[in-house]
Amino acid sequence: MLLTTTPSIEGRQVREYLGVVTGEAILGANVFKDFFAGIRDIIGGRSAAYEQELQRARDIAMNELQQAAADLGANAILGVDLDYETVGPQGSMLMVSVSGTAVIAD
């Protein structure tokens, strides 16, 4: 599956637009990760625990996006857009949503 953030694929023609596809993932961060991330806020540095959770959420959302496109018979997704948010009480959950247009390209 070819994914691109652009509205077209250079050198290829879109034969059919199949519709908008999406993928979402919401993951909770546990108390220990929150505690150590708070320490990182004070002393500086990167939070490996949050980075790993964010990567996991992004992978889940992208896999859902590709599966939704494949279910429609697409071989590419144009205009891919990733969004990141925190949700839940005190922003304790990480949300990644991704969308794009499923197409059949030659």
PDB file of N, CA and C in Angstrom:
ATOM      1  N   MET A   1       0.851  -1.178   0.000  1.00  0.00           N
ATOM      2  CA  MET A   1       0.000   0.000   0.000  1.00  0.00           C
ATOM      3  C   MET A   1       0.891   1.234   0.000  1.00  0.00           C
ATOM      4  N   LEU A   2       0.727   2.079  -0.982  1.00  0.00           N
ATOM      5  CA  LEU A   2       1.476   3.325  -1.062  1.00  0.00           C
ATOM      6  C   LEU A   2       0.738   4.392  -0.273  1.00  0.00           C
ATOM      7  N   LEU A   3       1.424   5.052   0.637  1.00  0.00           N
ATOM      8  CA  LEU A   3       0.847   6.143   1.421  1.00  0.00           C
ATOM      9  C   LEU A   3       1.604   7.418   1.138  1.00  0.00           C
ATOM     10  N   THR A   4       0.881   8.514   0.967  1.00  0.00           N
ATOM     11  CA  THR A   4       1.523   9.797   0.718  1.00  0.00           C
ATOM     12  C   THR A   4       0.696  10.923   1.321  1.00  0.00           C
ATOM     13  N   THR A   5       1.384  11.960   1.758  1.00  0.00           N
ATOM     14  CA  THR A   5       0.683  13.131   2.288  1.00  0.00           C
ATOM     15  C   THR A   5       0.247  14.069   1.171  1.00  0.00           C
ATOM     16  N   THR A   6       0.696  13.800  -0.039  1.00  0.00           N
ATOM     17  CA  THR A   6       0.387  14.657  -1.180  1.00  0.00           C
ATOM     18  C   THR A   6      -0.945  14.256  -1.815  1.00  0.00           C
ATOM     19  N   PRO A   7      -1.550  15.157  -2.602  1.00  0.00           N
ATOM     20  CA  PRO A   7      -2.839  14.856  -3.226  1.00  0.00           C
ATOM     21  C   PRO A   7      -2.723  14.033  -4.509  1.00  0.00           C
ATOM     22  N   SER A   8      -1.498  13.736  -4.935  1.00  0.00           N
ATOM     23  CA  SER A   8      -1.292  12.939  -6.150  1.00  0.00           C
ATOM     24  C   SER A   8       0.006  12.153  -5.995  1.00  0.00           C
ATOM     25  N   ILE A   9       0.218  11.241  -6.944  1.00  0.00           N
ATOM     26  CA  ILE A   9       1.433  10.441  -6.956  1.00  0.00           C
ATOM     27  C   ILE A   9       2.149  10.745  -8.264  1.00  0.00           C
ATOM     28  N   GLU A  10       3.326  11.303  -8.161  1.00  0.00           N
ATOM     29  CA  GLU A  10       4.071  11.670  -9.360  1.00  0.00           C
ATOM     30  C   GLU A  10       4.311  10.449 -10.239  1.00  0.00           C
ATOM     31  N   GLY A  11       3.970  10.588 -11.527  1.00  0.00           N
ATOM     32  CA  GLY A  11       4.188   9.518 -12.483  1.00  0.00           C
ATOM     33  C   GLY A  11       3.092   8.466 -12.498  1.00  0.00           C
ATOM     34  N   ARG A  12       2.099   8.604 -11.651  1.00  0.00           N
ATOM     35  CA  ARG A  12       0.989   7.637 -11.628  1.00  0.00           C
ATOM     36  C   ARG A  12      -0.326   8.393 -11.704  1.00  0.00           C
ATOM     37  N   GLN A  13      -1.285   7.758 -12.319  1.00  0.00           N
ATOM     38  CA  GLN A  13      -2.601   8.368 -12.461  1.00  0.00           C
ATOM     39  C   GLN A  13      -3.594   7.668 -11.557  1.00  0.00           C
ATOM     40  N   VAL A  14      -4.439   8.457 -10.902  1.00  0.00           N
ATOM     41  CA  VAL A  14      -5.496   7.881 -10.074  1.00  0.00           C
ATOM     42  C   VAL A  14      -6.612   7.430 -10.997  1.00  0.00           C
ATOM     43  N   ARG A  15      -6.904   6.149 -10.953  1.00  0.00           N
ATOM     44  CA  ARG A  15      -7.960   5.582 -11.796  1.00  0.00           C
ATOM     45  C   ARG A  15      -9.322   5.705 -11.122  1.00  0.00           C
ATOM     46  N   GLU A  16      -9.333   5.559  -9.786  1.00  0.00           N
ATOM     47  CA  GLU A  16     -10.621   5.599  -9.074  1.00  0.00           C
ATOM     48  C   GLU A  16     -10.407   6.071  -7.638  1.00  0.00           C
ATOM     49  N   TYR A  17     -11.270   6.976  -7.198  1.00  0.00           N
ATOM     50  CA  TYR A  17     -11.291   7.430  -5.809  1.00  0.00           C
ATOM     51  C   TYR A  17     -12.317   6.578  -5.064  1.00  0.00           C
ATOM     52  N   LEU A  18     -11.900   5.951  -3.983  1.00  0.00           N
ATOM     53  CA  LEU A  18     -12.781   5.021  -3.272  1.00  0.00           C
ATOM     54  C   LEU A  18     -13.384   5.599  -2.007  1.00  0.00           C
ATOM     55  N   GLY A  19     -12.854   6.704  -1.530  1.00  0.00           N
ATOM     56  CA  GLY A  19     -13.426   7.354  -0.357  1.00  0.00           C
ATOM     57  C   GLY A  19     -12.417   7.581   0.758  1.00  0.00           C
ATOM     58  N   VAL A  20     -12.870   8.309   1.757  1.00  0.00           N
ATOM     59  CA  VAL A  20     -12.039   8.629   2.914  1.00  0.00           C
ATOM     60  C   VAL A  20     -11.925   7.409   3.812  1.00  0.00           C
ATOM     61  N   VAL A  21     -10.716   7.151   4.296  1.00  0.00           N
ATOM     62  CA  VAL A  21     -10.474   6.066   5.242  1.00  0.00           C
ATOM     63  C   VAL A  21      -9.799   6.658   6.485  1.00  0.00           C
ATOM     64  N   THR A  22     -10.015   6.011   7.625  1.00  0.00           N
ATOM     65  CA  THR A  22      -9.465   6.512   8.882  1.00  0.00           C
ATOM     66  C   THR A  22      -8.911   5.375   9.725  1.00  0.00           C
ATOM     67  N   GLY A  23      -8.103   5.746  10.669  1.00  0.00           N
ATOM     68  CA  GLY A  23      -7.609   4.828  11.685  1.00  0.00           C
ATOM     69  C   GLY A  23      -7.418   5.622  12.965  1.00  0.00           C
ATOM     70  N   GLU A  24      -7.746   5.019  14.085  1.00  0.00           N
ATOM     71  CA  GLU A  24      -7.613   5.693  15.362  1.00  0.00           C
ATOM     72  C   GLU A  24      -7.021   4.756  16.399  1.00  0.00           C
ATOM     73  N   ALA A  25      -6.333   5.345  17.359  1.00  0.00           N
ATOM     74  CA  ALA A  25      -5.833   4.577  18.495  1.00  0.00           C
ATOM     75  C   ALA A  25      -5.810   5.500  19.706  1.00  0.00           C
ATOM     76  N   ILE A  26      -6.347   5.011  20.818  1.00  0.00           N
ATOM     77  CA  ILE A  26      -6.298   5.740  22.075  1.00  0.00           C
ATOM     78  C   ILE A  26      -5.679   4.804  23.097  1.00  0.00           C
ATOM     79  N   LEU A  27      -4.550   5.236  23.654  1.00  0.00           N
ATOM     80  CA  LEU A  27      -3.835   4.414  24.620  1.00  0.00           C
ATOM     81  C   LEU A  27      -3.668   5.176  25.921  1.00  0.00           C
ATOM     82  N   GLY A  28      -3.882   4.486  27.022  1.00  0.00           N
ATOM     83  CA  GLY A  28      -3.684   5.076  28.336  1.00  0.00           C
ATOM     84  C   GLY A  28      -2.237   4.946  28.754  1.00  0.00           C
ATOM     85  N   ALA A  29      -1.749   5.947  29.425  1.00  0.00           N
ATOM     86  CA  ALA A  29      -0.401   5.885  30.005  1.00  0.00           C
ATOM     87  C   ALA A  29      -0.578   5.597  31.490  1.00  0.00           C
ATOM     88  N   ASN A  30       0.205   4.672  32.002  1.00  0.00           N
ATOM     89  CA  ASN A  30      -0.003   4.289  33.393  1.00  0.00           C
ATOM     90  C   ASN A  30       0.651   5.257  34.365  1.00  0.00           C
ATOM     91  N   VAL A  31       0.371   5.076  35.639  1.00  0.00           N
ATOM     92  CA  VAL A  31       0.831   5.963  36.699  1.00  0.00           C
ATOM     93  C   VAL A  31       2.359   6.070  36.737  1.00  0.00           C
ATOM     94  N   PHE A  32       3.070   4.963  36.559  1.00  0.00           N
ATOM     95  CA  PHE A  32       4.528   5.009  36.620  1.00  0.00           C
ATOM     96  C   PHE A  32       5.098   5.830  35.470  1.00  0.00           C
ATOM     97  N   LYS A  33       4.534   5.671  34.281  1.00  0.00           N
ATOM     98  CA  LYS A  33       5.005   6.465  33.150  1.00  0.00           C
ATOM     99  C   LYS A  33       4.739   7.944  33.411  1.00  0.00           C
ATOM    100  N   ASP A  34       3.547   8.260  33.956  1.00  0.00           N
ATOM    101  CA  ASP A  34       3.222   9.647  34.278  1.00  0.00           C
ATOM    102  C   ASP A  34       4.202  10.206  35.302  1.00  0.00           C
ATOM    103  N   PHE A  35       4.525   9.408  36.314  1.00  0.00           N
ATOM    104  CA  PHE A  35       5.438   9.850  37.370  1.00  0.00           C
ATOM    105  C   PHE A  35       6.814  10.168  36.784  1.00  0.00           C
ATOM    106  N   PHE A  36       7.368   9.245  36.005  1.00  0.00           N
ATOM    107  CA  PHE A  36       8.702   9.462  35.452  1.00  0.00           C
ATOM    108  C   PHE A  36       8.703  10.558  34.379  1.00  0.00           C
ATOM    109  N   ALA A  37       7.605  10.700  33.662  1.00  0.00           N
ATOM    110  CA  ALA A  37       7.505  11.794  32.689  1.00  0.00           C
ATOM    111  C   ALA A  37       7.501  13.130  33.429  1.00  0.00           C
ATOM    112  N   GLY A  38       6.845  13.174  34.604  1.00  0.00           N
ATOM    113  CA  GLY A  38       6.851  14.391  35.417  1.00  0.00           C
ATOM    114  C   GLY A  38       8.241  14.754  35.867  1.00  0.00           C
ATOM    115  N   ILE A  39       9.033  13.766  36.236  1.00  0.00           N
ATOM    116  CA  ILE A  39      10.423  14.017  36.619  1.00  0.00           C
ATOM    117  C   ILE A  39      11.191  14.565  35.427  1.00  0.00           C
ATOM    118  N   ARG A  40      10.959  13.990  34.245  1.00  0.00           N
ATOM    119  CA  ARG A  40      11.624  14.482  33.026  1.00  0.00           C
ATOM    120  C   ARG A  40      11.273  15.949  32.773  1.00  0.00           C
ATOM    121  N   ASP A  41      10.003  16.331  33.068  1.00  0.00           N
ATOM    122  CA  ASP A  41       9.601  17.726  32.891  1.00  0.00           C
ATOM    123  C   ASP A  41      10.443  18.646  33.770  1.00  0.00           C
ATOM    124  N   ILE A  42      10.780  18.176  34.951  1.00  0.00           N
ATOM    125  CA  ILE A  42      11.534  18.998  35.901  1.00  0.00           C
ATOM    126  C   ILE A  42      13.014  19.050  35.525  1.00  0.00           C
ATOM    127  N   ILE A  43      13.615  17.907  35.235  1.00  0.00           N
ATOM    128  CA  ILE A  43      15.060  17.861  34.982  1.00  0.00           C
ATOM    129  C   ILE A  43      15.419  17.950  33.507  1.00  0.00           C
ATOM    130  N   GLY A  44      14.443  17.852  32.651  1.00  0.00           N
ATOM    131  CA  GLY A  44      14.700  17.924  31.216  1.00  0.00           C
ATOM    132  C   GLY A  44      14.949  16.554  30.619  1.00  0.00           C
ATOM    133  N   GLY A  45      14.984  16.502  29.324  1.00  0.00           N
ATOM    134  CA  GLY A  45      15.226  15.239  28.636  1.00  0.00           C
ATOM    135  C   GLY A  45      13.975  14.696  27.992  1.00  0.00           C
ATOM    136  N   ARG A  46      14.162  13.578  27.320  1.00  0.00           N
ATOM    137  CA  ARG A  46      13.065  12.940  26.589  1.00  0.00           C
ATOM    138  C   ARG A  46      12.429  11.856  27.447  1.00  0.00           C
ATOM    139  N   SER A  47      11.159  11.621  27.215  1.00  0.00           N
ATOM    140  CA  SER A  47      10.446  10.565  27.918  1.00  0.00           C
ATOM    141  C   SER A  47      10.300   9.357  27.000  1.00  0.00           C
ATOM    142  N   ALA A  48      11.184   8.384  27.180  1.00  0.00           N
ATOM    143  CA  ALA A  48      11.163   7.190  26.333  1.00  0.00           C
ATOM    144  C   ALA A  48       9.850   6.438  26.467  1.00  0.00           C
ATOM    145  N   ALA A  49       9.275   6.412  27.673  1.00  0.00           N
ATOM    146  CA  ALA A  49       8.024   5.689  27.882  1.00  0.00           C
ATOM    147  C   ALA A  49       6.904   6.285  27.043  1.00  0.00           C
ATOM    148  N   TYR A  50       6.790   7.624  27.044  1.00  0.00           N
ATOM    149  CA  TYR A  50       5.746   8.257  26.243  1.00  0.00           C
ATOM    150  C   TYR A  50       6.038   8.121  24.750  1.00  0.00           C
ATOM    151  N   GLU A  51       7.295   8.221  24.378  1.00  0.00           N
ATOM    152  CA  GLU A  51       7.646   8.068  22.969  1.00  0.00           C
ATOM    153  C   GLU A  51       7.274   6.674  22.465  1.00  0.00           C
ATOM    154  N   GLN A  52       7.493   5.654  23.279  1.00  0.00           N
ATOM    155  CA  GLN A  52       7.134   4.288  22.890  1.00  0.00           C
ATOM    156  C   GLN A  52       5.621   4.137  22.761  1.00  0.00           C
ATOM    157  N   GLU A  53       4.868   4.722  23.679  1.00  0.00           N
ATOM    158  CA  GLU A  53       3.406   4.662  23.605  1.00  0.00           C
ATOM    159  C   GLU A  53       2.894   5.414  22.377  1.00  0.00           C
ATOM    160  N   LEU A  54       3.494   6.552  22.090  1.00  0.00           N
ATOM    161  CA  LEU A  54       3.091   7.334  20.921  1.00  0.00           C
ATOM    162  C   LEU A  54       3.381   6.562  19.635  1.00  0.00           C
ATOM    163  N   GLN A  55       4.537   5.927  19.563  1.00  0.00           N
ATOM    164  CA  GLN A  55       4.886   5.105  18.399  1.00  0.00           C
ATOM    165  C   GLN A  55       3.899   3.950  18.247  1.00  0.00           C
ATOM    166  N   ARG A  56       3.565   3.310  19.367  1.00  0.00           N
ATOM    167  CA  ARG A  56       2.612   2.196  19.334  1.00  0.00           C
ATOM    168  C   ARG A  56       1.240   2.665  18.839  1.00  0.00           C
ATOM    169  N   ALA A  57       0.776   3.810  19.339  1.00  0.00           N
ATOM    170  CA  ALA A  57      -0.516   4.353  18.910  1.00  0.00           C
ATOM    171  C   ALA A  57      -0.488   4.700  17.427  1.00  0.00           C
ATOM    172  N   ARG A  58       0.604   5.305  16.980  1.00  0.00           N
ATOM    173  CA  ARG A  58       0.720   5.663  15.557  1.00  0.00           C
ATOM    174  C   ARG A  58       0.717   4.414  14.683  1.00  0.00           C
ATOM    175  N   ASP A  59       1.426   3.375  15.096  1.00  0.00           N
ATOM    176  CA  ASP A  59       1.451   2.120  14.330  1.00  0.00           C
ATOM    177  C   ASP A  59       0.060   1.501  14.230  1.00  0.00           C
ATOM    178  N   ILE A  60      -0.671   1.490  15.339  1.00  0.00           N
ATOM    179  CA  ILE A  60      -2.036   0.937  15.342  1.00  0.00           C
ATOM    180  C   ILE A  60      -2.927   1.728  14.384  1.00  0.00           C
ATOM    181  N   ALA A  61      -2.883   3.061  14.488  1.00  0.00           N
ATOM    182  CA  ALA A  61      -3.734   3.907  13.638  1.00  0.00           C
ATOM    183  C   ALA A  61      -3.383   3.736  12.157  1.00  0.00           C
ATOM    184  N   MET A  62      -2.101   3.679  11.841  1.00  0.00           N
ATOM    185  CA  MET A  62      -1.692   3.512  10.444  1.00  0.00           C
ATOM    186  C   MET A  62      -2.098   2.141   9.903  1.00  0.00           C
ATOM    187  N   ASN A  63      -1.969   1.116  10.725  1.00  0.00           N
ATOM    188  CA  ASN A  63      -2.402  -0.222  10.294  1.00  0.00           C
ATOM    189  C   ASN A  63      -3.903  -0.254  10.037  1.00  0.00           C
ATOM    190  N   GLU A  64      -4.696   0.395  10.902  1.00  0.00           N
ATOM    191  CA  GLU A  64      -6.149   0.470  10.685  1.00  0.00           C
ATOM    192  C   GLU A  64      -6.464   1.208   9.387  1.00  0.00           C
ATOM    193  N   LEU A  65      -5.745   2.299   9.138  1.00  0.00           N
ATOM    194  CA  LEU A  65      -5.947   3.080   7.910  1.00  0.00           C
ATOM    195  C   LEU A  65      -5.692   2.215   6.684  1.00  0.00           C
ATOM    196  N   GLN A  66      -4.575   1.515   6.673  1.00  0.00           N
ATOM    197  CA  GLN A  66      -4.234   0.671   5.534  1.00  0.00           C
ATOM    198  C   GLN A  66      -5.219  -0.478   5.362  1.00  0.00           C
ATOM    199  N   GLN A  67      -5.682  -1.051   6.464  1.00  0.00           N
ATOM    200  CA  GLN A  67      -6.661  -2.143   6.380  1.00  0.00           C
ATOM    201  C   GLN A  67      -7.983  -1.645   5.805  1.00  0.00           C
ATOM    202  N   ALA A  68      -8.403  -0.456   6.239  1.00  0.00           N
ATOM    203  CA  ALA A  68      -9.651   0.113   5.718  1.00  0.00           C
ATOM    204  C   ALA A  68      -9.545   0.350   4.218  1.00  0.00           C
ATOM    205  N   ALA A  69      -8.392   0.836   3.761  1.00  0.00           N
ATOM    206  CA  ALA A  69      -8.191   1.070   2.327  1.00  0.00           C
ATOM    207  C   ALA A  69      -8.149  -0.250   1.562  1.00  0.00           C
ATOM    208  N   ALA A  70      -7.454  -1.233   2.118  1.00  0.00           N
ATOM    209  CA  ALA A  70      -7.372  -2.542   1.463  1.00  0.00           C
ATOM    210  C   ALA A  70      -8.753  -3.171   1.349  1.00  0.00           C
ATOM    211  N   ASP A  71      -9.585  -2.999   2.374  1.00  0.00           N
ATOM    212  CA  ASP A  71     -10.953  -3.540   2.336  1.00  0.00           C
ATOM    213  C   ASP A  71     -11.775  -2.943   1.194  1.00  0.00           C
ATOM    214  N   LEU A  72     -11.429  -1.733   0.775  1.00  0.00           N
ATOM    215  CA  LEU A  72     -12.120  -1.084  -0.348  1.00  0.00           C
ATOM    216  C   LEU A  72     -11.494  -1.448  -1.692  1.00  0.00           C
ATOM    217  N   GLY A  73     -10.370  -2.160  -1.673  1.00  0.00           N
ATOM    218  CA  GLY A  73      -9.686  -2.531  -2.901  1.00  0.00           C
ATOM    219  C   GLY A  73      -8.650  -1.525  -3.356  1.00  0.00           C
ATOM    220  N   ALA A  74      -8.252  -0.615  -2.487  1.00  0.00           N
ATOM    221  CA  ALA A  74      -7.281   0.424  -2.845  1.00  0.00           C
ATOM    222  C   ALA A  74      -5.864  -0.127  -2.881  1.00  0.00           C
ATOM    223  N   ASN A  75      -5.019   0.551  -3.650  1.00  0.00           N
ATOM    224  CA  ASN A  75      -3.595   0.230  -3.630  1.00  0.00           C
ATOM    225  C   ASN A  75      -2.755   1.429  -3.199  1.00  0.00           C
ATOM    226  N   ALA A  76      -3.433   2.531  -2.849  1.00  0.00           N
ATOM    227  CA  ALA A  76      -2.729   3.725  -2.375  1.00  0.00           C
ATOM    228  C   ALA A  76      -3.682   4.580  -1.531  1.00  0.00           C
ATOM    229  N   ILE A  77      -3.082   5.420  -0.689  1.00  0.00           N
ATOM    230  CA  ILE A  77      -3.850   6.375   0.113  1.00  0.00           C
ATOM    231  C   ILE A  77      -3.198   7.739  -0.070  1.00  0.00           C
ATOM    232  N   LEU A  78      -3.994   8.698  -0.528  1.00  0.00           N
ATOM    233  CA  LEU A  78      -3.509  10.059  -0.770  1.00  0.00           C
ATOM    234  C   LEU A  78      -3.904  10.983   0.381  1.00  0.00           C
ATOM    235  N   GLY A  79      -3.151  12.070   0.537  1.00  0.00           N
ATOM    236  CA  GLY A  79      -3.504  13.105   1.502  1.00  0.00           C
ATOM    237  C   GLY A  79      -3.508  12.623   2.941  1.00  0.00           C
ATOM    238  N   VAL A  80      -2.602  11.747   3.291  1.00  0.00           N
ATOM    239  CA  VAL A  80      -2.569  11.198   4.655  1.00  0.00           C
ATOM    240  C   VAL A  80      -2.298  12.322   5.649  1.00  0.00           C
ATOM    241  N   ASP A  81      -3.116  12.374   6.702  1.00  0.00           N
ATOM    242  CA  ASP A  81      -3.004  13.397   7.740  1.00  0.00           C
ATOM    243  C   ASP A  81      -3.010  12.725   9.102  1.00  0.00           C
ATOM    244  N   LEU A  82      -1.998  12.990   9.906  1.00  0.00           N
ATOM    245  CA  LEU A  82      -1.888  12.459  11.271  1.00  0.00           C
ATOM    246  C   LEU A  82      -2.211  13.550  12.271  1.00  0.00           C
ATOM    247  N   ASP A  83      -3.008  13.215  13.271  1.00  0.00           N
ATOM    248  CA  ASP A  83      -3.325  14.156  14.345  1.00  0.00           C
ATOM    249  C   ASP A  83      -3.053  13.490  15.684  1.00  0.00           C
ATOM    250  N   TYR A  84      -2.519  14.267  16.620  1.00  0.00           N
ATOM    251  CA  TYR A  84      -2.201  13.782  17.955  1.00  0.00           C
ATOM    252  C   TYR A  84      -2.943  14.633  18.978  1.00  0.00           C
ATOM    253  N   GLU A  85      -3.511  13.979  19.981  1.00  0.00           N
ATOM    254  CA  GLU A  85      -4.232  14.680  21.040  1.00  0.00           C
ATOM    255  C   GLU A  85      -4.047  13.939  22.354  1.00  0.00           C
ATOM    256  N   THR A  86      -4.289  14.633  23.447  1.00  0.00           N
ATOM    257  CA  THR A  86      -4.427  13.962  24.734  1.00  0.00           C
ATOM    258  C   THR A  86      -5.900  14.065  25.105  1.00  0.00           C
ATOM    259  N   VAL A  87      -6.440  13.008  25.653  1.00  0.00           N
ATOM    260  CA  VAL A  87      -7.850  12.966  26.027  1.00  0.00           C
ATOM    261  C   VAL A  87      -7.979  12.319  27.404  1.00  0.00           C
ATOM    262  N   GLY A  88      -9.184  12.377  27.943  1.00  0.00           N
ATOM    263  CA  GLY A  88      -9.436  11.752  29.232  1.00  0.00           C
ATOM    264  C   GLY A  88      -9.154  12.702  30.378  1.00  0.00           C
ATOM    265  N   PRO A  89      -9.432  12.229  31.581  1.00  0.00           N
ATOM    266  CA  PRO A  89      -9.185  13.052  32.770  1.00  0.00           C
ATOM    267  C   PRO A  89      -7.710  13.448  32.849  1.00  0.00           C
ATOM    268  N   GLN A  90      -7.448  14.718  33.025  1.00  0.00           N
ATOM    269  CA  GLN A  90      -6.088  15.260  33.116  1.00  0.00           C
ATOM    270  C   GLN A  90      -5.229  14.890  31.896  1.00  0.00           C
ATOM    271  N   GLY A  91      -5.844  14.647  30.765  1.00  0.00           N
ATOM    272  CA  GLY A  91      -5.100  14.327  29.557  1.00  0.00           C
ATOM    273  C   GLY A  91      -4.267  13.071  29.690  1.00  0.00           C
ATOM    274  N   SER A  92      -4.831  12.077  30.356  1.00  0.00           N
ATOM    275  CA  SER A  92      -4.064  10.873  30.694  1.00  0.00           C
ATOM    276  C   SER A  92      -4.013   9.831  29.578  1.00  0.00           C
ATOM    277  N   MET A  93      -4.648  10.108  28.457  1.00  0.00           N
ATOM    278  CA  MET A  93      -4.637   9.153  27.353  1.00  0.00           C
ATOM    279  C   MET A  93      -4.103   9.833  26.093  1.00  0.00           C
ATOM    280  N   LEU A  94      -3.397   9.054  25.303  1.00  0.00           N
ATOM    281  CA  LEU A  94      -2.845   9.543  24.045  1.00  0.00           C
ATOM    282  C   LEU A  94      -3.733   9.075  22.901  1.00  0.00           C
ATOM    283  N   MET A  95      -4.088   9.994  22.010  1.00  0.00           N
ATOM    284  CA  MET A  95      -4.909   9.624  20.869  1.00  0.00           C
ATOM    285  C   MET A  95      -4.176  10.001  19.588  1.00  0.00           C
ATOM    286  N   VAL A  96      -4.154   9.056  18.674  1.00  0.00           N
ATOM    287  CA  VAL A  96      -3.614   9.306  17.333  1.00  0.00           C
ATOM    288  C   VAL A  96      -4.725   8.974  16.349  1.00  0.00           C
ATOM    289  N   SER A  97      -5.027   9.914  15.473  1.00  0.00           N
ATOM    290  CA  SER A  97      -5.989   9.639  14.411  1.00  0.00           C
ATOM    291  C   SER A  97      -5.318   9.973  13.080  1.00  0.00           C
ATOM    292  N   VAL A  98      -5.638   9.167  12.090  1.00  0.00           N
ATOM    293  CA  VAL A  98      -5.051   9.345  10.768  1.00  0.00           C
ATOM    294  C   VAL A  98      -6.148   9.167   9.729  1.00  0.00           C
ATOM    295  N   SER A  99      -6.090   9.964   8.683  1.00  0.00           N
ATOM    296  CA  SER A  99      -7.093   9.855   7.628  1.00  0.00           C
ATOM    297  C   SER A  99      -6.437  10.100   6.274  1.00  0.00           C
ATOM    298  N   GLY A 100      -7.122   9.690   5.236  1.00  0.00           N
ATOM    299  CA  GLY A 100      -6.640   9.893   3.878  1.00  0.00           C
ATOM    300  C   GLY A 100      -7.693   9.426   2.890  1.00  0.00           C
ATOM    301  N   THR A 101      -7.396   9.535   1.620  1.00  0.00           N
ATOM    302  CA  THR A 101      -8.310   9.120   0.560  1.00  0.00           C
ATOM    303  C   THR A 101      -7.784   7.853  -0.093  1.00  0.00           C
ATOM    304  N   ALA A 102      -8.584   6.801  -0.020  1.00  0.00           N
ATOM    305  CA  ALA A 102      -8.227   5.537  -0.640  1.00  0.00           C
ATOM    306  C   ALA A 102      -8.468   5.635  -2.142  1.00  0.00           C
ATOM    307  N   VAL A 103      -7.464   5.172  -2.921  1.00  0.00           N
ATOM    308  CA  VAL A 103      -7.563   5.254  -4.370  1.00  0.00           C
ATOM    309  C   VAL A 103      -6.992   3.999  -5.019  1.00  0.00           C
ATOM    310  N   ILE A 104      -7.357   3.837  -6.277  1.00  0.00           N
ATOM    311  CA  ILE A 104      -6.681   2.839  -7.129  1.00  0.00           C
ATOM    312  C   ILE A 104      -5.864   3.659  -8.120  1.00  0.00           C
ATOM    313  N   ALA A 105      -4.557   3.444  -8.076  1.00  0.00           N
ATOM    314  CA  ALA A 105      -3.659   4.192  -8.951  1.00  0.00           C
ATOM    315  C   ALA A 105      -2.948   3.245  -9.901  1.00  0.00           C
ATOM    316  N   ASP A 106      -2.751   3.712 -11.141  1.00  0.00           N
ATOM    317  CA  ASP A 106      -2.023   2.912 -12.141  1.00  0.00           C
ATOM    318  C   ASP A 106      -0.543   3.117 -11.981  1.00  0.00           C
TER     319      ASP A 106
END
